[in-house]
C-alpha atoms as a PDB file:
ATOM      1  CA  MET A   1      66.160 102.584 130.488  1.00  0.00           C
ATOM      2  CA  SER A   2      67.829 102.339 127.162  1.00  0.00           C
ATOM      3  CA  THR A   3      65.906 100.946 124.163  1.00  0.00           C
ATOM      4  CA  THR A   4      67.671  99.399 121.174  1.00  0.00           C
ATOM      5  CA  ALA A   5      66.114  98.230 117.898  1.00  0.00           C
ATOM      6  CA  ILE A   6      67.237  95.648 115.375  1.00  0.00           C
ATOM      7  CA  ILE A   7      65.809  96.171 111.978  1.00  0.00           C
ATOM      8  CA  LEU A   8      65.913  93.170 109.650  1.00  0.00           C
ATOM      9  CA  ALA A   9      66.675  94.491 106.159  1.00  0.00           C
ATOM     10  CA  ALA A  10      68.735  91.851 104.554  1.00  0.00           C
ATOM     11  CA  GLY A  11      66.159  90.234 102.121  1.00  0.00           C
ATOM     12  CA  ARG A  12      66.585  90.386  98.355  1.00  0.00           C
ATOM     13  CA  GLY A  13      62.928  90.574  97.464  1.00  0.00           C
ATOM     14  CA  THR A  14      63.134  88.223  94.504  1.00  0.00           C
ATOM     15  CA  ARG A  15      59.490  88.495  93.790  1.00  0.00           C
ATOM     16  CA  MET A  16      59.963  92.274  93.268  1.00  0.00           C
ATOM     17  CA  LYS A  17      61.854  91.442  89.992  1.00  0.00           C
ATOM     18  CA  THR A  18      64.305  94.327  90.770  1.00  0.00           C
ATOM     19  CA  SER A  19      68.024  95.166  91.223  1.00  0.00           C
ATOM     20  CA  LEU A  20      67.109  97.646  93.896  1.00  0.00           C
ATOM     21  CA  PRO A  21      67.241  96.396  97.548  1.00  0.00           C
ATOM     22  CA  LYS A  22      63.721  95.765  98.635  1.00  0.00           C
ATOM     23  CA  VAL A  23      63.857  98.197 101.573  1.00  0.00           C
ATOM     24  CA  LEU A  24      64.896 101.077  99.337  1.00  0.00           C
ATOM     25  CA  HIS A  25      61.774 100.847  97.256  1.00  0.00           C
ATOM     26  CA  PRO A  26      59.730 103.967  97.764  1.00  0.00           C
ATOM     27  CA  VAL A  27      56.420 104.129  99.578  1.00  0.00           C
ATOM     28  CA  CYS A  28      54.775 107.566  99.024  1.00  0.00           C
ATOM     29  CA  ASN A  29      58.254 108.988  97.882  1.00  0.00           C
ATOM     30  CA  GLN A  30      60.238 107.673 100.899  1.00  0.00           C
ATOM     31  CA  PRO A  31      62.125 104.328 101.095  1.00  0.00           C
ATOM     32  CA  MET A  32      60.061 101.831 103.076  1.00  0.00           C
ATOM     33  CA  LEU A  33      62.947 101.415 105.569  1.00  0.00           C
ATOM     34  CA  SER A  34      62.636 105.144 106.565  1.00  0.00           C
ATOM     35  CA  TYR A  35      59.167 104.625 108.006  1.00  0.00           C
ATOM     36  CA  VAL A  36      60.501 101.815 110.253  1.00  0.00           C
ATOM     37  CA  LEU A  37      63.497 103.811 111.378  1.00  0.00           C
ATOM     38  CA  ASP A  38      61.340 106.804 112.141  1.00  0.00           C
ATOM     39  CA  ALA A  39      58.845 104.729 114.158  1.00  0.00           C
ATOM     40  CA  CYS A  40      61.748 103.379 116.269  1.00  0.00           C
ATOM     41  CA  ARG A  41      63.049 106.924 116.860  1.00  0.00           C
ATOM     42  CA  ALA A  42      59.639 108.054 117.886  1.00  0.00           C
ATOM     43  CA  VAL A  43      59.702 105.682 120.843  1.00  0.00           C
ATOM     44  CA  ASP A  44      63.148 106.950 121.839  1.00  0.00           C
ATOM     45  CA  CYS A  45      65.400 104.126 120.567  1.00  0.00           C
ATOM     46  CA  ASP A  46      68.984 105.373 121.240  1.00  0.00           C
ATOM     47  CA  ARG A  47      70.567 102.625 119.120  1.00  0.00           C
ATOM     48  CA  LEU A  48      69.398 101.361 115.716  1.00  0.00           C
ATOM     49  CA  ILE A  49      71.038  98.184 114.397  1.00  0.00           C
ATOM     50  CA  CYS A  50      70.181  97.514 110.740  1.00  0.00           C
ATOM     51  CA  VAL A  51      70.931  94.100 109.379  1.00  0.00           C
ATOM     52  CA  THR A  52      71.561  94.192 105.609  1.00  0.00           C
ATOM     53  CA  GLY A  53      72.387  91.670 102.974  1.00  0.00           C
ATOM     54  CA  PHE A  54      71.570  92.018  99.315  1.00  0.00           C
ATOM     55  CA  GLY A  55      72.652  95.465  98.113  1.00  0.00           C
ATOM     56  CA  ALA A  56      74.107  96.363 101.463  1.00  0.00           C
ATOM     57  CA  GLU A  57      76.256  99.100 100.121  1.00  0.00           C
ATOM     58  CA  ARG A  58      73.339 100.857  98.391  1.00  0.00           C
ATOM     59  CA  VAL A  59      71.326 100.803 101.621  1.00  0.00           C
ATOM     60  CA  ARG A  60      74.137 102.069 103.738  1.00  0.00           C
ATOM     61  CA  SER A  61      74.768 104.830 101.262  1.00  0.00           C
ATOM     62  CA  ALA A  62      71.150 105.943 101.233  1.00  0.00           C
ATOM     63  CA  TYR A  63      71.490 106.537 105.093  1.00  0.00           C
ATOM     64  CA  ALA A  64      75.033 107.612 105.305  1.00  0.00           C
ATOM     65  CA  ASP A  65      74.053 110.895 107.095  1.00  0.00           C
ATOM     66  CA  GLN A  66      72.120 109.092 109.806  1.00  0.00           C
ATOM     67  CA  LYS A  67      74.725 108.515 112.504  1.00  0.00           C
ATOM     68  CA  ASP A  68      72.501 106.685 114.970  1.00  0.00           C
ATOM     69  CA  ILE A  69      72.463 103.469 112.776  1.00  0.00           C
ATOM     70  CA  VAL A  70      74.899 100.640 113.271  1.00  0.00           C
ATOM     71  CA  TRP A  71      75.257  98.367 110.214  1.00  0.00           C
ATOM     72  CA  VAL A  72      75.543  94.560 110.405  1.00  0.00           C
ATOM     73  CA  GLN A  73      76.066  92.382 107.355  1.00  0.00           C
ATOM     74  CA  GLN A  74      74.131  89.033 106.987  1.00  0.00           C
ATOM     75  CA  GLU A  75      75.526  86.895 104.247  1.00  0.00           C
ATOM     76  CA  PRO A  76      74.197  84.413 103.548  1.00  0.00           C
ATOM     77  CA  GLN A  77      70.716  84.894 105.028  1.00  0.00           C
ATOM     78  CA  LEU A  78      70.012  81.930 107.230  1.00  0.00           C
ATOM     79  CA  GLY A  79      66.915  83.152 109.033  1.00  0.00           C
ATOM     80  CA  THR A  80      65.751  85.757 111.625  1.00  0.00           C
ATOM     81  CA  GLY A  81      67.574  84.017 114.462  1.00  0.00           C
ATOM     82  CA  HIS A  82      70.871  83.952 112.509  1.00  0.00           C
ATOM     83  CA  ALA A  83      70.391  87.771 111.759  1.00  0.00           C
ATOM     84  CA  VAL A  84      70.140  88.457 115.556  1.00  0.00           C
ATOM     85  CA  GLN A  85      73.107  86.232 116.281  1.00  0.00           C
ATOM     86  CA  LEU A  86      75.237  88.325 114.064  1.00  0.00           C
ATOM     87  CA  CYS A  87      74.379  91.396 116.276  1.00  0.00           C
ATOM     88  CA  ARG A  88      75.734  89.810 119.439  1.00  0.00           C
ATOM     89  CA  ASP A  89      78.950  91.855 119.365  1.00  0.00           C
ATOM     90  CA  VAL A  90      77.066  95.104 119.168  1.00  0.00           C
ATOM     91  CA  LEU A  91      74.668  94.015 121.967  1.00  0.00           C
ATOM     92  CA  GLU A  92      77.411  92.906 124.318  1.00  0.00           C
ATOM     93  CA  GLY A  93      77.196  94.945 127.518  1.00  0.00           C
ATOM     94  CA  VAL A  94      73.815  96.483 126.530  1.00  0.00           C
ATOM     95  CA  THR A  95      71.057  96.397 129.095  1.00  0.00           C
ATOM     96  CA  GLY A  96      67.405  97.373 128.708  1.00  0.00           C
ATOM     97  CA  GLU A  97      64.944  96.553 125.909  1.00  0.00           C
ATOM     98  CA  LEU A  98      65.455  95.437 122.404  1.00  0.00           C
ATOM     99  CA  LEU A  99      62.789  95.837 119.689  1.00  0.00           C
ATOM    100  CA  ILE A 100      63.168  93.548 116.684  1.00  0.00           C
ATOM    101  CA  LEU A 101      61.143  94.292 113.494  1.00  0.00           C
ATOM    102  CA  ALA A 102      61.116  93.941 109.788  1.00  0.00           C
ATOM    103  CA  GLY A 103      62.471  96.570 107.472  1.00  0.00           C
ATOM    104  CA  ASP A 104      59.958  95.804 104.859  1.00  0.00           C
ATOM    105  CA  GLY A 105      56.927  96.624 107.010  1.00  0.00           C
ATOM    106  CA  PRO A 106      56.554 100.444 106.672  1.00  0.00           C
ATOM    107  CA  LEU A 107      53.047 100.475 108.119  1.00  0.00           C
ATOM    108  CA  VAL A 108      54.261  99.844 111.627  1.00  0.00           C
ATOM    109  CA  ARG A 109      53.153 102.652 113.923  1.00  0.00           C
ATOM    110  CA  ALA A 110      55.089 104.297 116.714  1.00  0.00           C
ATOM    111  CA  GLU A 111      51.917 103.896 118.741  1.00  0.00           C
ATOM    112  CA  THR A 112      52.042 100.126 118.370  1.00  0.00           C
ATOM    113  CA  LEU A 113      55.672 100.019 119.381  1.00  0.00           C
ATOM    114  CA  GLY A 114      54.847 102.201 122.441  1.00  0.00           C
ATOM    115  CA  GLN A 115      52.045  99.725 123.460  1.00  0.00           C
ATOM    116  CA  LEU A 116      54.428  96.746 123.065  1.00  0.00           C
ATOM    117  CA  LEU A 117      57.016  98.475 125.192  1.00  0.00           C
ATOM    118  CA  ALA A 118      54.397  99.400 127.915  1.00  0.00           C
ATOM    119  CA  VAL A 119      53.190  95.792 128.169  1.00  0.00           C
ATOM    120  CA  HIS A 120      56.829  94.432 128.206  1.00  0.00           C
ATOM    121  CA  ARG A 121      57.826  96.828 131.035  1.00  0.00           C
ATOM    122  CA  ARG A 122      54.603  96.073 133.047  1.00  0.00           C
ATOM    123  CA  ARG A 123      55.000  92.307 132.800  1.00  0.00           C
ATOM    124  CA  ARG A 124      58.760  92.476 133.291  1.00  0.00           C
ATOM    125  CA  ALA A 125      59.052  89.823 130.580  1.00  0.00           C
ATOM    126  CA  ALA A 126      62.076  88.367 128.933  1.00  0.00           C
ATOM    127  CA  CYS A 127      60.185  88.616 125.659  1.00  0.00           C
ATOM    128  CA  THR A 128      56.931  90.294 124.600  1.00  0.00           C
ATOM    129  CA  LEU A 129      55.280  89.859 121.094  1.00  0.00           C
ATOM    130  CA  ALA A 130      52.974  92.214 119.390  1.00  0.00           C
ATOM    131  CA  THR A 131      50.471  89.943 117.681  1.00  0.00           C
ATOM    132  CA  SER A 132      47.494  90.216 115.358  1.00  0.00           C
ATOM    133  CA  ILE A 133      44.026  88.593 115.208  1.00  0.00           C
ATOM    134  CA  MET A 134      43.241  87.613 111.668  1.00  0.00           C
ATOM    135  CA  GLU A 135      40.138  86.133 110.120  1.00  0.00           C
ATOM    136  CA  SER A 136      42.346  84.470 107.523  1.00  0.00           C
ATOM    137  CA  PRO A 137      45.748  83.899 109.066  1.00  0.00           C
ATOM    138  CA  GLY A 138      47.324  82.351 105.988  1.00  0.00           C
ATOM    139  CA  ALA A 139      51.009  81.276 106.345  1.00  0.00           C
ATOM    140  CA  PHE A 140      51.709  83.393 109.400  1.00  0.00           C
ATOM    141  CA  GLY A 141      53.254  81.656 112.441  1.00  0.00           C
ATOM    142  CA  ARG A 142      50.705  80.769 115.034  1.00  0.00           C
ATOM    143  CA  VAL A 143      50.732  82.079 118.685  1.00  0.00           C
ATOM    144  CA  ILE A 144      50.459  79.237 121.146  1.00  0.00           C
ATOM    145  CA  ARG A 145      49.010  79.968 124.554  1.00  0.00           C
ATOM    146  CA  ASP A 146      48.358  77.601 127.496  1.00  0.00           C
ATOM    147  CA  GLU A 147      45.004  77.082 129.186  1.00  0.00           C
ATOM    148  CA  THR A 148      45.355  80.185 131.336  1.00  0.00           C
ATOM    149  CA  GLY A 149      46.050  82.360 128.151  1.00  0.00           C
ATOM    150  CA  GLU A 150      49.766  82.730 128.913  1.00  0.00           C
ATOM    151  CA  LEU A 151      52.163  82.716 125.966  1.00  0.00           C
ATOM    152  CA  VAL A 152      53.926  79.456 125.364  1.00  0.00           C
ATOM    153  CA  GLY A 153      55.664  80.038 122.013  1.00  0.00           C
ATOM    154  CA  ILE A 154      55.231  80.356 118.267  1.00  0.00           C
ATOM    155  CA  VAL A 155      54.937  77.583 115.798  1.00  0.00           C
ATOM    156  CA  GLU A 156      55.893  78.340 112.221  1.00  0.00           C
ATOM    157  CA  TYR A 157      53.125  77.550 109.548  1.00  0.00           C
ATOM    158  CA  LEU A 158      55.076  74.832 107.892  1.00  0.00           C
ATOM    159  CA  ASP A 159      55.797  73.140 111.163  1.00  0.00           C
ATOM    160  CA  ALA A 160      52.213  73.568 112.539  1.00  0.00           C
ATOM    161  CA  THR A 161      49.652  70.831 112.947  1.00  0.00           C
ATOM    162  CA  GLU A 162      46.235  71.086 111.271  1.00  0.00           C
ATOM    163  CA  ALA A 163      44.798  72.022 114.648  1.00  0.00           C
ATOM    164  CA  GLN A 164      47.336  74.796 115.170  1.00  0.00           C
ATOM    165  CA  HIS A 165      46.490  76.149 111.673  1.00  0.00           C
ATOM    166  CA  GLN A 166      43.037  77.005 113.118  1.00  0.00           C
ATOM    167  CA  ILE A 167      44.524  79.534 115.490  1.00  0.00           C
ATOM    168  CA  ARG A 168      43.806  83.152 114.462  1.00  0.00           C
ATOM    169  CA  GLU A 169      46.280  84.878 116.667  1.00  0.00           C
ATOM    170  CA  VAL A 170      49.500  85.265 114.613  1.00  0.00           C
ATOM    171  CA  ASN A 171      53.106  86.354 114.956  1.00  0.00           C
ATOM    172  CA  VAL A 172      53.813  89.462 112.933  1.00  0.00           C
ATOM    173  CA  SER A 173      57.556  89.562 113.583  1.00  0.00           C
ATOM    174  CA  LEU A 174      57.404  92.457 116.060  1.00  0.00           C
ATOM    175  CA  TYR A 175      59.213  91.606 119.265  1.00  0.00           C
ATOM    176  CA  CYS A 176      60.623  93.125 122.459  1.00  0.00           C
ATOM    177  CA  PHE A 177      63.327  91.298 124.350  1.00  0.00           C
ATOM    178  CA  ASP A 178      65.246  91.905 127.518  1.00  0.00           C
ATOM    179  CA  VAL A 179      68.798  92.116 126.024  1.00  0.00           C
ATOM    180  CA  PRO A 180      70.862  90.107 128.652  1.00  0.00           C
ATOM    181  CA  ARG A 181      68.212  87.293 128.696  1.00  0.00           C
ATOM    182  CA  LEU A 182      68.078  87.107 124.887  1.00  0.00           C
ATOM    183  CA  LEU A 183      71.924  86.821 124.763  1.00  0.00           C
ATOM    184  CA  GLU A 184      71.767  83.891 127.169  1.00  0.00           C
ATOM    185  CA  VAL A 185      69.866  81.842 124.504  1.00  0.00           C
ATOM    186  CA  ILE A 186      70.382  83.142 120.991  1.00  0.00           C
ATOM    187  CA  GLY A 187      73.548  81.176 120.480  1.00  0.00           C
ATOM    188  CA  GLN A 188      71.707  77.883 121.189  1.00  0.00           C
ATOM    189  CA  LEU A 189      69.350  78.099 118.117  1.00  0.00           C
ATOM    190  CA  ARG A 190      69.197  75.135 115.832  1.00  0.00           C
ATOM    191  CA  ASN A 191      67.979  74.878 112.275  1.00  0.00           C
ATOM    192  CA  ASP A 192      66.323  71.514 112.321  1.00  0.00           C
ATOM    193  CA  ASN A 193      63.045  72.634 110.819  1.00  0.00           C
ATOM    194  CA  ALA A 194      61.159  72.526 107.555  1.00  0.00           C
ATOM    195  CA  LYS A 195      63.129  75.530 106.098  1.00  0.00           C
ATOM    196  CA  GLY A 196      66.442  74.729 107.537  1.00  0.00           C
ATOM    197  CA  GLU A 197      66.658  78.259 109.080  1.00  0.00           C
ATOM    198  CA  TYR A 198      67.437  79.607 112.468  1.00  0.00           C
ATOM    199  CA  TYR A 199      64.131  80.954 113.820  1.00  0.00           C
ATOM    200  CA  LEU A 200      64.177  83.758 116.293  1.00  0.00           C
ATOM    201  CA  THR A 201      60.819  82.430 117.608  1.00  0.00           C
ATOM    202  CA  ASP A 202      62.634  79.329 118.998  1.00  0.00           C
ATOM    203  CA  THR A 203      64.052  81.537 121.678  1.00  0.00           C
ATOM    204  CA  LEU A 204      60.698  81.792 123.425  1.00  0.00           C
ATOM    205  CA  GLY A 205      60.798  78.054 124.355  1.00  0.00           C
ATOM    206  CA  MET A 206      64.349  78.478 125.580  1.00  0.00           C
ATOM    207  CA  LEU A 207      63.392  81.521 127.667  1.00  0.00           C
ATOM    208  CA  ARG A 208      60.313  79.684 129.044  1.00  0.00           C
ATOM    209  CA  ALA A 209      62.414  76.665 129.955  1.00  0.00           C
ATOM    210  CA  ARG A 210      64.496  78.990 132.184  1.00  0.00           C
ATOM    211  CA  GLU A 211      61.291  80.150 133.850  1.00  0.00           C
ATOM    212  CA  TYR A 212      61.437  83.608 132.464  1.00  0.00           C
ATOM    213  CA  ALA A 213      58.182  85.428 131.916  1.00  0.00           C
ATOM    214  CA  LEU A 214      56.749  85.747 128.312  1.00  0.00           C
ATOM    215  CA  ALA A 215      53.936  88.069 127.116  1.00  0.00           C
ATOM    216  CA  ALA A 216      51.945  88.750 124.019  1.00  0.00           C
ATOM    217  CA  VAL A 217      49.657  91.659 123.202  1.00  0.00           C
ATOM    218  CA  PRO A 218      47.400  91.674 120.183  1.00  0.00           C
ATOM    219  CA  ALA A 219      48.272  95.239 119.421  1.00  0.00           C
ATOM    220  CA  VAL A 220      48.554  95.144 115.541  1.00  0.00           C
ATOM    221  CA  ALA A 221      45.577  95.846 113.395  1.00  0.00           C
ATOM    222  CA  PRO A 222      45.501  93.399 110.334  1.00  0.00           C
ATOM    223  CA  ALA A 223      45.877  96.456 107.995  1.00  0.00           C
ATOM    224  CA  GLU A 224      49.263  97.235 109.632  1.00  0.00           C
ATOM    225  CA  VAL A 225      50.630  93.747 109.091  1.00  0.00           C
ATOM    226  CA  LEU A 226      51.154  93.921 105.323  1.00  0.00           C
ATOM    227  CA  SER A 227      54.786  93.571 104.495  1.00  0.00           C
ATOM    228  CA  ILE A 228      56.053  94.002 100.885  1.00  0.00           C
ATOM    229  CA  ASN A 229      57.120  90.976  98.825  1.00  0.00           C
ATOM    230  CA  ASP A 230      56.004  91.964  95.314  1.00  0.00           C
ATOM    231  CA  ARG A 231      54.886  94.949  93.326  1.00  0.00           C
ATOM    232  CA  ILE A 232      51.192  94.349  93.908  1.00  0.00           C
ATOM    233  CA  GLN A 233      51.770  94.507  97.780  1.00  0.00           C
ATOM    234  CA  LEU A 234      53.880  97.616  97.179  1.00  0.00           C
ATOM    235  CA  ALA A 235      50.987  99.322  95.377  1.00  0.00           C
ATOM    236  CA  GLU A 236      48.667  98.339  98.285  1.00  0.00           C
ATOM    237  CA  VAL A 237      51.023  99.624 100.964  1.00  0.00           C
ATOM    238  CA  ASN A 238      51.356 102.854  99.078  1.00  0.00           C
ATOM    239  CA  ARG A 239      47.553 103.276  98.987  1.00  0.00           C
ATOM    240  CA  LEU A 240      47.315 102.583 102.679  1.00  0.00           C
ATOM    241  CA  MET A 241      50.190 105.009 103.457  1.00  0.00           C
ATOM    242  CA  GLN A 242      48.784 107.722 101.392  1.00  0.00           C
ATOM    243  CA  ARG A 243      45.442 107.438 103.123  1.00  0.00           C
ATOM    244  CA  ARG A 244      47.226 107.546 106.502  1.00  0.00           C
ATOM    245  CA  ILE A 245      48.987 110.737 105.426  1.00  0.00           C
ATOM    246  CA  GLN A 246      45.746 112.348 104.235  1.00  0.00           C
ATOM    247  CA  ASP A 247      43.981 111.418 107.455  1.00  0.00           C
ATOM    248  CA  ARG A 248      46.654 113.009 109.454  1.00  0.00           C
ATOM    249  CA  HIS A 249      46.172 116.330 107.574  1.00  0.00           C
ATOM    250  CA  MET A 250      42.408 116.175 107.740  1.00  0.00           C
ATOM    251  CA  LEU A 251      42.458 115.653 111.445  1.00  0.00           C
ATOM    252  CA  ALA A 252      44.671 118.740 111.654  1.00  0.00           C
ATOM    253  CA  GLY A 253      42.106 120.822 109.890  1.00  0.00           C
ATOM    254  CA  VAL A 254      42.758 120.411 106.196  1.00  0.00           C
ATOM    255  CA  THR A 255      39.872 119.674 103.823  1.00  0.00           C
ATOM    256  CA  ILE A 256      40.564 117.225 101.046  1.00  0.00           C
ATOM    257  CA  GLU A 257      37.680 117.213  98.654  1.00  0.00           C
ATOM    258  CA  ASP A 258      38.480 114.075  96.835  1.00  0.00           C
ATOM    259  CA  PRO A 259      40.978 111.825  98.649  1.00  0.00           C
ATOM    260  CA  ALA A 260      41.013 109.196  95.889  1.00  0.00           C
ATOM    261  CA  SER A 261      42.556 111.658  93.339  1.00  0.00           C
ATOM    262  CA  THR A 262      44.793 113.643  95.733  1.00  0.00           C
ATOM    263  CA  TRP A 263      48.371 112.707  96.540  1.00  0.00           C
ATOM    264  CA  ILE A 264      50.428 114.311  99.386  1.00  0.00           C
ATOM    265  CA  ASP A 265      54.186 113.693  99.975  1.00  0.00           C
ATOM    266  CA  PRO A 266      54.777 112.658 103.644  1.00  0.00           C
ATOM    267  CA  ARG A 267      57.269 115.578 103.869  1.00  0.00           C
ATOM    268  CA  ALA A 268      54.681 118.212 103.020  1.00  0.00           C
ATOM    269  CA  SER A 269      53.189 120.525 105.517  1.00  0.00           C
ATOM    270  CA  ILE A 270      49.722 122.160 105.190  1.00  0.00           C
ATOM    271  CA  GLY A 271      48.110 124.838 107.338  1.00  0.00           C
ATOM    272  CA  ALA A 272      44.738 124.501 108.862  1.00  0.00           C
ATOM    273  CA  ASP A 273      41.584 125.618 106.773  1.00  0.00           C
ATOM    274  CA  THR A 274      43.332 124.969 103.612  1.00  0.00           C
ATOM    275  CA  THR A 275      41.340 123.032 100.995  1.00  0.00           C
ATOM    276  CA  LEU A 276      42.916 120.638  98.484  1.00  0.00           C
ATOM    277  CA  ARG A 277      40.562 120.211  95.521  1.00  0.00           C
ATOM    278  CA  ALA A 278      40.379 117.231  93.273  1.00  0.00           C
ATOM    279  CA  MET A 279      43.492 115.986  91.423  1.00  0.00           C
ATOM    280  CA  THR A 280      45.934 117.953  93.626  1.00  0.00           C
ATOM    281  CA  VAL A 281      49.517 116.561  93.940  1.00  0.00           C
ATOM    282  CA  LEU A 282      51.915 117.934  96.551  1.00  0.00           C
ATOM    283  CA  ASP A 283      55.357 116.522  95.832  1.00  0.00           C
ATOM    284  CA  GLY A 284      58.426 116.911  97.871  1.00  0.00           C
ATOM    285  CA  THR A 285      58.857 119.377 100.733  1.00  0.00           C
ATOM    286  CA  CYS A 286      55.845 121.603  99.920  1.00  0.00           C
ATOM    287  CA  ARG A 287      55.005 124.304 102.561  1.00  0.00           C
ATOM    288  CA  ILE A 288      51.314 125.278 102.219  1.00  0.00           C
ATOM    289  CA  GLY A 289      50.049 128.056 104.533  1.00  0.00           C
ATOM    290  CA  ARG A 290      46.682 128.411 106.266  1.00  0.00           C
ATOM    291  CA  GLY A 291      43.452 129.179 104.532  1.00  0.00           C
ATOM    292  CA  CYS A 292      44.630 128.331 101.036  1.00  0.00           C
ATOM    293  CA  VAL A 293      42.825 126.717  98.140  1.00  0.00           C
ATOM    294  CA  ILE A 294      44.875 124.421  95.985  1.00  0.00           C
ATOM    295  CA  GLY A 295      43.604 122.874  92.817  1.00  0.00           C
ATOM    296  CA  PRO A 296      41.808 121.382  91.063  1.00  0.00           C
ATOM    297  CA  MET A 297      44.318 119.751  88.740  1.00  0.00           C
ATOM    298  CA  VAL A 298      47.492 121.332  90.352  1.00  0.00           C
ATOM    299  CA  GLN A 299      50.921 119.720  90.932  1.00  0.00           C
ATOM    300  CA  LEU A 300      53.213 121.602  93.287  1.00  0.00           C
ATOM    301  CA  VAL A 301      56.835 120.418  93.773  1.00  0.00           C
ATOM    302  CA  ASP A 302      58.885 121.764  96.758  1.00  0.00           C
ATOM    303  CA  ALA A 303      56.544 124.817  96.707  1.00  0.00           C
ATOM    304  CA  GLU A 304      55.991 127.463  99.380  1.00  0.00           C
ATOM    305  CA  VAL A 305      52.518 128.915  99.336  1.00  0.00           C
ATOM    306  CA  PRO A 306      51.757 131.812 101.829  1.00  0.00           C
ATOM    307  CA  ASP A 307      48.542 131.939 103.840  1.00  0.00           C
ATOM    308  CA  GLU A 308      45.240 132.708 102.152  1.00  0.00           C
ATOM    309  CA  GLN A 309      46.458 132.059  98.563  1.00  0.00           C
ATOM    310  CA  VAL A 310      44.498 130.396  95.762  1.00  0.00           C
ATOM    311  CA  VAL A 311      46.552 128.211  93.415  1.00  0.00           C
ATOM    312  CA  GLY A 312      44.399 126.942  90.558  1.00  0.00           C
ATOM    313  CA  HIS A 313      45.010 124.970  87.355  1.00  0.00           C
ATOM    314  CA  GLY A 314      47.916 126.325  85.351  1.00  0.00           C
ATOM    315  CA  HIS A 315      50.110 127.040  88.332  1.00  0.00           C
ATOM    316  CA  GLY A 316      52.911 124.702  89.784  1.00  0.00           C
END
């Protein structure tokens, strides 16, 4: 069965105070959009549709060598439903599953996408949501279930009642649709809501009215939900991503003496039984062998270090 992904990357990011398209801002040296694309590829998406808006040419240029991406322009930006409406021509004749996710959410994990797809297939749903349970849900859209626990739909925060504001299960904009069923309803969206936008979430009610199955799985940890709207959130996502990178290396047999003062590029490779001492920076495509000691106070850039080497202060 084929799996397609739509990645919503049209936002300007006005709170970033920048001329750079938001999805090109680096997280641990890689554009945030790259993490989303890689997560989709890791679950075998064979078609990636990227919806761009502000700075579209710069975004396309940054990924000009990646031939599995189809580009769609959204101008003006009239909401998530509008973005997906613009993809109808690309989706025409496509069967199978469609992931829809945000380009400014680099913390999304391939494992989460895999869990979403598994539930969608098992339930044979027209739409399945990956949701999150939050202690303080803030302005996220609330997940509405019936008395049996089945998914009914999503209500956006500005359109929700006070009682609905108390719901802790939230929509984190991570969807899996059956393509033909989505195409049946996507053209019927209306924008008669508080923001005057076309909400993708409104398709759930339309699908339910046709007696198609809906599903929701609380698969997203609150720490993975953080998207990037300003430089403060960018710094927080960098911190979380760096710790994720370090954890991966430590679980593979690398000792990191002081994670707080260590920085590792996501493209770096490090052999087992290597120790990174305090204030070590591995920048770019470093290749560190097995059984090495790097640091303290060492920065390496695109370096290759053979097995069993010691690289101390003054090298790099």
